[in-house]
Amino acid sequence: MNNSEPLLVSFKSNGNSYTAYIPLNQFLETDKDVESILKQLAKIYQNYIVLMRENLAEIENFRSTRKPLPARLVWKLGGLIFKLTESLETEGFQIDGIYEHLVRDLQVKRKWLEKVIILRRYVPKQNMIPETLNWGRFEKGTRKKAEGMSKGIIPG
């Protein structure tokens, strides 16, 4: 297997667990124990999906009680997505179609998920976001506002 570029991996839901798949050509090119690698990747993915669902339950709780949703809580979800990708990259893999996987497994809309990731990408540290700042301030013009936040400009 080529170590310079991450290899593609996909995940299939089996109820409460996942099965990892890699393209056949990657399978044929390796001399490693593919079965154990795939089990390890599936476990990593499953663990992060559980954490993301817990985070989404907190987000839904704010929405259902009509309380302002803290931007830090949304940033935390983006942080979990970044940690998932970093964990897989450490193993030499990347998800083939991460948005499709997360939309399917988290039951969220792609556009909203894109905004979550934009917030996390442009605001590198959660503590850069004031605790009292609501997610609603980022929903329109997410990138521009997140870029401003990274420079210390609080969205108004």
C-alpha atoms as a PDB file:
ATOM      1  CA  MET A   1       0.000   0.000   0.000  1.00  0.00           C
ATOM      2  CA  ASN A   2       1.161   3.528  -0.759  1.00  0.00           C
ATOM      3  CA  ASN A   3       1.961   5.488   2.415  1.00  0.00           C
ATOM      4  CA  SER A   4       2.165   8.905   0.769  1.00  0.00           C
ATOM      5  CA  GLU A   5      -1.547   9.379   0.154  1.00  0.00           C
ATOM      6  CA  PRO A   6      -4.398   8.156   2.387  1.00  0.00           C
ATOM      7  CA  LEU A   7      -6.305   5.160   1.075  1.00  0.00           C
ATOM      8  CA  LEU A   8     -10.069   5.282   0.672  1.00  0.00           C
ATOM      9  CA  VAL A   9     -12.399   3.542   3.098  1.00  0.00           C
ATOM     10  CA  SER A  10     -16.200   3.322   3.166  1.00  0.00           C
ATOM     11  CA  PHE A  11     -18.514   2.257   5.954  1.00  0.00           C
ATOM     12  CA  LYS A  12     -21.804   0.391   5.852  1.00  0.00           C
ATOM     13  CA  SER A  13     -24.233   0.574   8.746  1.00  0.00           C
ATOM     14  CA  ASN A  14     -25.272  -2.704  10.358  1.00  0.00           C
ATOM     15  CA  GLY A  15     -27.707  -1.288  12.864  1.00  0.00           C
ATOM     16  CA  ASN A  16     -25.540  -0.332  15.837  1.00  0.00           C
ATOM     17  CA  SER A  17     -22.219  -1.202  14.232  1.00  0.00           C
ATOM     18  CA  TYR A  18     -20.354  -0.587  10.991  1.00  0.00           C
ATOM     19  CA  THR A  19     -18.403  -2.595   8.468  1.00  0.00           C
ATOM     20  CA  ALA A  20     -15.449  -0.983   6.700  1.00  0.00           C
ATOM     21  CA  TYR A  21     -14.707  -1.551   3.026  1.00  0.00           C
ATOM     22  CA  ILE A  22     -11.742  -0.671   0.845  1.00  0.00           C
ATOM     23  CA  PRO A  23     -11.476  -0.841  -2.952  1.00  0.00           C
ATOM     24  CA  LEU A  24     -10.407  -4.209  -4.339  1.00  0.00           C
ATOM     25  CA  ASN A  25      -7.195  -2.840  -5.860  1.00  0.00           C
ATOM     26  CA  GLN A  26      -6.085  -1.593  -2.419  1.00  0.00           C
ATOM     27  CA  PHE A  27      -6.872  -4.995  -0.969  1.00  0.00           C
ATOM     28  CA  LEU A  28      -4.815  -6.750  -3.629  1.00  0.00           C
ATOM     29  CA  GLU A  29      -1.849  -4.393  -3.201  1.00  0.00           C
ATOM     30  CA  THR A  30      -1.366  -4.954   0.519  1.00  0.00           C
ATOM     31  CA  ASP A  31       0.465  -7.578   2.455  1.00  0.00           C
ATOM     32  CA  LYS A  32      -1.096  -6.465   5.755  1.00  0.00           C
ATOM     33  CA  ASP A  33      -3.880  -8.198   7.650  1.00  0.00           C
ATOM     34  CA  VAL A  34      -6.743  -6.415   5.914  1.00  0.00           C
ATOM     35  CA  GLU A  35      -9.440  -7.984   8.075  1.00  0.00           C
ATOM     36  CA  SER A  36      -7.975  -6.617  11.321  1.00  0.00           C
ATOM     37  CA  ILE A  37      -7.337  -3.215   9.745  1.00  0.00           C
ATOM     38  CA  LEU A  38     -10.939  -2.991   8.544  1.00  0.00           C
ATOM     39  CA  LYS A  39     -12.256  -3.985  11.977  1.00  0.00           C
ATOM     40  CA  GLN A  40     -10.088  -1.310  13.574  1.00  0.00           C
ATOM     41  CA  LEU A  41     -11.283   1.350  11.121  1.00  0.00           C
ATOM     42  CA  ALA A  42     -14.923   0.363  11.667  1.00  0.00           C
ATOM     43  CA  LYS A  43     -14.445   0.637  15.436  1.00  0.00           C
ATOM     44  CA  ILE A  44     -12.913   4.127  15.108  1.00  0.00           C
ATOM     45  CA  TYR A  45     -15.785   5.254  12.892  1.00  0.00           C
ATOM     46  CA  GLN A  46     -18.428   3.749  15.178  1.00  0.00           C
ATOM     47  CA  ASN A  47     -16.938   5.377  18.292  1.00  0.00           C
ATOM     48  CA  TYR A  48     -16.958   8.819  16.680  1.00  0.00           C
ATOM     49  CA  ILE A  49     -20.495   8.381  15.342  1.00  0.00           C
ATOM     50  CA  VAL A  50     -21.654   7.608  18.907  1.00  0.00           C
ATOM     51  CA  LEU A  51     -19.945  10.775  20.200  1.00  0.00           C
ATOM     52  CA  MET A  52     -21.409  12.875  17.371  1.00  0.00           C
ATOM     53  CA  ARG A  53     -24.907  11.519  18.023  1.00  0.00           C
ATOM     54  CA  GLU A  54     -24.563  12.443  21.696  1.00  0.00           C
ATOM     55  CA  ASN A  55     -23.527  15.942  20.653  1.00  0.00           C
ATOM     56  CA  LEU A  56     -26.470  16.144  18.242  1.00  0.00           C
ATOM     57  CA  ALA A  57     -28.829  15.085  21.046  1.00  0.00           C
ATOM     58  CA  GLU A  58     -27.586  18.083  23.063  1.00  0.00           C
ATOM     59  CA  ILE A  59     -28.136  20.334  20.050  1.00  0.00           C
ATOM     60  CA  GLU A  60     -31.639  18.944  19.553  1.00  0.00           C
ATOM     61  CA  ASN A  61     -32.399  19.539  23.222  1.00  0.00           C
ATOM     62  CA  PHE A  62     -31.648  23.242  22.775  1.00  0.00           C
ATOM     63  CA  ARG A  63     -33.797  23.364  19.650  1.00  0.00           C
ATOM     64  CA  SER A  64     -36.730  21.506  21.191  1.00  0.00           C
ATOM     65  CA  THR A  65     -36.784  23.805  24.225  1.00  0.00           C
ATOM     66  CA  ARG A  66     -36.377  26.836  21.948  1.00  0.00           C
ATOM     67  CA  LYS A  67     -33.285  27.950  23.812  1.00  0.00           C
ATOM     68  CA  PRO A  68     -30.541  29.733  21.867  1.00  0.00           C
ATOM     69  CA  LEU A  69     -28.079  27.151  20.545  1.00  0.00           C
ATOM     70  CA  PRO A  70     -24.516  27.899  21.707  1.00  0.00           C
ATOM     71  CA  ALA A  71     -22.095  28.193  18.787  1.00  0.00           C
ATOM     72  CA  ARG A  72     -19.518  26.341  20.902  1.00  0.00           C
ATOM     73  CA  LEU A  73     -21.733  23.248  20.924  1.00  0.00           C
ATOM     74  CA  VAL A  74     -21.910  23.265  17.127  1.00  0.00           C
ATOM     75  CA  TRP A  75     -18.143  23.855  16.974  1.00  0.00           C
ATOM     76  CA  LYS A  76     -17.722  20.760  19.173  1.00  0.00           C
ATOM     77  CA  LEU A  77     -19.500  18.638  16.549  1.00  0.00           C
ATOM     78  CA  GLY A  78     -17.135  19.982  13.901  1.00  0.00           C
ATOM     79  CA  GLY A  79     -14.243  19.159  16.232  1.00  0.00           C
ATOM     80  CA  LEU A  80     -15.407  15.553  16.467  1.00  0.00           C
ATOM     81  CA  ILE A  81     -15.546  15.320  12.681  1.00  0.00           C
ATOM     82  CA  PHE A  82     -11.990  16.661  12.474  1.00  0.00           C
ATOM     83  CA  LYS A  83     -10.834  14.159  15.107  1.00  0.00           C
ATOM     84  CA  LEU A  84     -12.474  11.316  13.175  1.00  0.00           C
ATOM     85  CA  THR A  85     -10.655  12.253   9.990  1.00  0.00           C
ATOM     86  CA  GLU A  86      -7.373  12.676  11.882  1.00  0.00           C
ATOM     87  CA  SER A  87      -7.762   9.254  13.528  1.00  0.00           C
ATOM     88  CA  LEU A  88      -8.371   7.581  10.185  1.00  0.00           C
ATOM     89  CA  GLU A  89      -5.499   9.475   8.547  1.00  0.00           C
ATOM     90  CA  THR A  90      -3.201   8.249  11.327  1.00  0.00           C
ATOM     91  CA  GLU A  91      -4.035   4.756  10.099  1.00  0.00           C
ATOM     92  CA  GLY A  92      -3.405   5.837   6.484  1.00  0.00           C
ATOM     93  CA  PHE A  93      -7.057   6.154   5.394  1.00  0.00           C
ATOM     94  CA  GLN A  94      -9.674   8.732   4.524  1.00  0.00           C
ATOM     95  CA  ILE A  95     -13.416   8.306   4.146  1.00  0.00           C
ATOM     96  CA  ASP A  96     -14.600   8.018   0.564  1.00  0.00           C
ATOM     97  CA  GLY A  97     -17.409  10.605   0.602  1.00  0.00           C
ATOM     98  CA  ILE A  98     -17.378  11.875   4.175  1.00  0.00           C
ATOM     99  CA  TYR A  99     -20.435  14.110   3.732  1.00  0.00           C
ATOM    100  CA  GLU A 100     -22.514  11.250   2.358  1.00  0.00           C
ATOM    101  CA  HIS A 101     -21.465   8.997   5.238  1.00  0.00           C
ATOM    102  CA  LEU A 102     -22.183  11.573   7.942  1.00  0.00           C
ATOM    103  CA  VAL A 103     -25.495  12.721   6.433  1.00  0.00           C
ATOM    104  CA  ARG A 104     -26.609   9.081   6.355  1.00  0.00           C
ATOM    105  CA  ASP A 105     -25.337   8.088   9.794  1.00  0.00           C
ATOM    106  CA  LEU A 106     -26.159  11.285  11.695  1.00  0.00           C
ATOM    107  CA  GLN A 107     -29.450  12.010   9.921  1.00  0.00           C
ATOM    108  CA  VAL A 108     -28.579  15.672   9.300  1.00  0.00           C
ATOM    109  CA  LYS A 109     -28.834  17.863   6.235  1.00  0.00           C
ATOM    110  CA  ARG A 110     -25.707  18.214   4.152  1.00  0.00           C
ATOM    111  CA  LYS A 111     -25.882  22.020   3.938  1.00  0.00           C
ATOM    112  CA  TRP A 112     -26.038  22.303   7.735  1.00  0.00           C
ATOM    113  CA  LEU A 113     -23.164  19.853   8.103  1.00  0.00           C
ATOM    114  CA  GLU A 114     -21.095  21.893   5.646  1.00  0.00           C
ATOM    115  CA  LYS A 115     -21.650  24.982   7.816  1.00  0.00           C
ATOM    116  CA  VAL A 116     -20.583  23.056  10.929  1.00  0.00           C
ATOM    117  CA  ILE A 117     -17.350  22.038   9.236  1.00  0.00           C
ATOM    118  CA  ILE A 118     -16.741  25.562   7.925  1.00  0.00           C
ATOM    119  CA  LEU A 119     -17.079  26.936  11.466  1.00  0.00           C
ATOM    120  CA  ARG A 120     -14.594  24.389  12.796  1.00  0.00           C
ATOM    121  CA  ARG A 121     -12.169  24.873   9.897  1.00  0.00           C
ATOM    122  CA  TYR A 122     -11.944  28.653  10.236  1.00  0.00           C
ATOM    123  CA  VAL A 123     -12.170  28.871  14.031  1.00  0.00           C
ATOM    124  CA  PRO A 124      -9.340  26.580  15.187  1.00  0.00           C
ATOM    125  CA  LYS A 125     -10.047  26.773  18.937  1.00  0.00           C
ATOM    126  CA  GLN A 126     -13.378  26.482  20.686  1.00  0.00           C
ATOM    127  CA  ASN A 127     -12.438  29.088  23.296  1.00  0.00           C
ATOM    128  CA  MET A 128     -12.184  31.697  20.522  1.00  0.00           C
ATOM    129  CA  ILE A 129     -15.995  31.646  20.478  1.00  0.00           C
ATOM    130  CA  PRO A 130     -17.619  33.583  23.355  1.00  0.00           C
ATOM    131  CA  GLU A 131     -19.732  31.296  25.525  1.00  0.00           C
ATOM    132  CA  THR A 132     -22.761  33.522  25.010  1.00  0.00           C
ATOM    133  CA  LEU A 133     -22.542  33.563  21.197  1.00  0.00           C
ATOM    134  CA  ASN A 134     -25.424  31.739  19.513  1.00  0.00           C
ATOM    135  CA  TRP A 135     -25.172  29.520  16.442  1.00  0.00           C
ATOM    136  CA  GLY A 136     -27.809  31.711  14.776  1.00  0.00           C
ATOM    137  CA  ARG A 137     -25.122  34.354  14.271  1.00  0.00           C
ATOM    138  CA  PHE A 138     -23.272  31.946  11.962  1.00  0.00           C
ATOM    139  CA  GLU A 139     -26.127  30.381   9.993  1.00  0.00           C
ATOM    140  CA  LYS A 140     -25.981  32.926   7.168  1.00  0.00           C
ATOM    141  CA  GLY A 141     -22.582  33.829   5.777  1.00  0.00           C
ATOM    142  CA  THR A 142     -20.939  31.102   7.852  1.00  0.00           C
ATOM    143  CA  ARG A 143     -17.542  31.245   6.187  1.00  0.00           C
ATOM    144  CA  LYS A 144     -17.210  35.019   6.271  1.00  0.00           C
ATOM    145  CA  LYS A 145     -18.274  35.188   9.912  1.00  0.00           C
ATOM    146  CA  ALA A 146     -16.045  32.257  10.922  1.00  0.00           C
ATOM    147  CA  GLU A 147     -13.072  33.855   9.159  1.00  0.00           C
ATOM    148  CA  GLY A 148     -13.814  37.087  11.024  1.00  0.00           C
ATOM    149  CA  MET A 149     -14.079  35.187  14.303  1.00  0.00           C
ATOM    150  CA  SER A 150     -10.632  33.705  13.714  1.00  0.00           C
ATOM    151  CA  LYS A 151      -9.372  37.324  13.525  1.00  0.00           C
ATOM    152  CA  GLY A 152     -11.206  38.282  16.711  1.00  0.00           C
ATOM    153  CA  ILE A 153     -14.245  39.864  15.064  1.00  0.00           C
ATOM    154  CA  ILE A 154     -17.432  38.717  16.799  1.00  0.00           C
ATOM    155  CA  PRO A 155     -20.383  38.337  14.391  1.00  0.00           C
ATOM    156  CA  GLY A 156     -23.071  40.924  14.995  1.00  0.00           C
END
